[in-house]
Amino acid sequence: QVHLVESGGGSVQAGGSLSLSCVVSGGTFRNYAMAWFRQAAGKEREFIASINWSTGLAFYGDPVKGRFIIARDIAKNEVYLEMADLTPEDTAIYYCGAGGRQGFVEKDYTFWGQGTQVTVSS
């Protein structure tokens, strides 16, 4: 069983930056792809970014390309999401996921953290 714990959410003004962290433990998580998704109120969970533990190959969703960066620290078993130039449209609960396939939809990821709230004010 893979266990994920997110942290780093909070409130920020438009144009600001935030960094999220996901600490990973349990199971053979190094065999999994990691991803960040977000879910705004009343909307479906949306793909943000994914990364391969071994190669570092990353993919991004269109709404965040050029503004967000996903990275991993193998020694610390952590995955990060660096967010810049935030807008109110980025307001959502951000979730860290782990799955056997580095896909772009929620069903590609089996394990999820509890989520962390990000609020961007105008």
Protein backbone atom coordinates (compact mmCIF):
# COMPACT_ATOMS: atom_id res chain seq x y z
CA GLN A 1 0.00 0.00 0.00
CA VAL A 2 1.41 3.36 -1.07
CA HIS A 3 0.80 6.25 1.30
CA LEU A 4 0.83 9.86 0.11
CA VAL A 5 0.79 13.01 2.23
CA GLU A 6 0.51 16.45 0.63
CA SER A 7 1.46 19.75 2.23
CA GLY A 8 2.22 23.32 1.28
CA GLY A 9 -1.16 24.66 0.28
CA GLY A 10 -2.43 28.02 1.42
CA SER A 11 -3.69 31.39 0.29
CA VAL A 12 -1.88 33.71 -2.08
CA GLN A 13 -2.68 36.73 -4.19
CA ALA A 14 -2.86 36.56 -7.96
CA GLY A 15 0.58 36.59 -9.51
CA GLY A 16 2.11 34.89 -6.50
CA SER A 17 3.79 31.51 -6.07
CA LEU A 18 3.32 28.41 -3.94
CA SER A 19 5.15 25.13 -3.60
CA LEU A 20 3.41 21.85 -2.81
CA SER A 21 5.05 18.70 -1.48
CA CYS A 22 3.97 15.06 -1.56
CA VAL A 23 5.80 12.62 0.70
CA VAL A 24 5.55 9.04 -0.54
CA SER A 25 5.95 5.85 1.48
CA GLY A 26 5.02 2.18 1.45
CA GLY A 27 4.87 -0.46 -1.25
CA THR A 28 7.08 -0.34 -4.30
CA PHE A 29 6.26 3.24 -5.12
CA ARG A 30 9.42 3.71 -7.16
CA ASN A 31 7.71 1.58 -9.80
CA TYR A 32 4.87 4.07 -10.05
CA ALA A 33 4.37 7.28 -11.89
CA MET A 34 3.46 10.27 -9.77
CA ALA A 35 1.05 13.03 -10.63
CA TRP A 36 -0.68 16.13 -9.37
CA PHE A 37 -4.35 16.70 -10.04
CA ARG A 38 -6.65 19.41 -8.79
CA GLN A 39 -10.36 19.68 -8.17
CA ALA A 40 -12.17 22.98 -8.01
CA ALA A 41 -15.58 23.28 -6.38
CA GLY A 42 -18.25 21.75 -8.58
CA LYS A 43 -15.77 20.48 -11.16
CA GLU A 44 -14.13 17.18 -12.01
CA ARG A 45 -10.59 16.31 -10.98
CA GLU A 46 -8.17 17.84 -13.51
CA PHE A 47 -4.72 16.63 -14.56
CA ILE A 48 -1.93 19.07 -13.71
CA ALA A 49 1.39 17.26 -14.11
CA SER A 50 3.06 13.86 -13.90
CA ILE A 51 6.59 12.58 -13.47
CA ASN A 52 8.41 9.26 -13.78
CA TRP A 53 10.40 8.36 -10.66
CA SER A 54 13.27 6.82 -12.62
CA THR A 55 13.72 9.11 -15.60
CA GLY A 56 12.21 12.36 -14.40
CA LEU A 57 10.18 12.58 -17.60
CA ALA A 58 7.39 15.06 -16.97
CA PHE A 59 4.14 16.01 -18.65
CA TYR A 60 1.90 19.01 -17.99
CA GLY A 61 -1.71 19.90 -18.48
CA ASP A 62 -2.39 22.79 -20.84
CA PRO A 63 -3.71 25.21 -18.14
CA VAL A 64 -0.39 25.12 -16.26
CA LYS A 65 2.26 24.76 -18.95
CA GLY A 66 4.98 27.35 -18.49
CA ARG A 67 3.81 28.21 -14.96
CA PHE A 68 4.09 25.00 -12.93
CA ILE A 69 7.01 22.62 -12.54
CA ILE A 70 6.89 19.07 -11.17
CA ALA A 71 10.02 17.55 -9.68
CA ARG A 72 11.01 14.65 -7.48
CA ASP A 73 13.67 14.13 -4.82
CA ILE A 74 14.51 10.44 -4.84
CA ALA A 75 16.51 10.60 -1.60
CA LYS A 76 13.63 12.24 0.27
CA ASN A 77 10.82 10.26 -1.41
CA GLU A 78 9.12 13.54 -2.23
CA VAL A 79 7.40 14.95 -5.28
CA TYR A 80 7.04 18.70 -5.60
CA LEU A 81 4.84 21.07 -7.53
CA GLU A 82 6.26 24.54 -7.95
CA MET A 83 3.49 26.94 -8.94
CA ALA A 84 4.09 30.44 -10.25
CA ASP A 85 2.03 33.26 -11.73
CA LEU A 86 -1.06 31.95 -9.97
CA THR A 87 -4.52 33.14 -10.91
CA PRO A 88 -7.91 32.76 -9.17
CA GLU A 89 -8.65 29.98 -11.69
CA ASP A 90 -5.93 27.91 -9.97
CA THR A 91 -8.00 27.79 -6.78
CA ALA A 92 -8.71 24.14 -5.98
CA ILE A 93 -7.82 21.21 -3.78
CA TYR A 94 -4.59 19.74 -5.10
CA TYR A 95 -4.08 15.98 -4.91
CA CYS A 96 -0.99 13.83 -5.30
CA GLY A 97 -1.48 10.48 -6.99
CA ALA A 98 0.57 7.34 -7.69
CA GLY A 99 -0.16 4.84 -10.41
CA GLY A 100 1.31 2.20 -12.67
CA ARG A 101 0.78 4.25 -15.80
CA GLN A 102 1.93 7.82 -16.40
CA GLY A 103 -1.39 8.86 -17.80
CA PHE A 104 -3.49 11.99 -17.92
CA VAL A 105 -6.73 10.90 -16.30
CA GLU A 106 -7.76 10.14 -12.75
CA LYS A 107 -8.26 6.41 -13.35
CA ASP A 108 -4.57 5.99 -14.28
CA TYR A 109 -3.65 6.55 -10.61
CA THR A 110 -4.44 4.07 -7.85
CA PHE A 111 -3.29 5.80 -4.69
CA TRP A 112 -4.17 9.32 -3.58
CA GLY A 113 -3.30 11.72 -0.80
CA GLN A 114 -5.86 13.64 1.23
CA GLY A 115 -5.36 16.84 -0.76
CA THR A 116 -4.23 20.34 0.12
CA GLN A 117 -6.20 23.53 -0.50
CA VAL A 118 -4.80 26.30 -2.70
CA THR A 119 -6.69 29.59 -2.77
CA VAL A 120 -5.72 32.44 -5.07
CA SER A 121 -7.35 35.82 -4.55
CA SER A 122 -7.59 38.59 -7.12
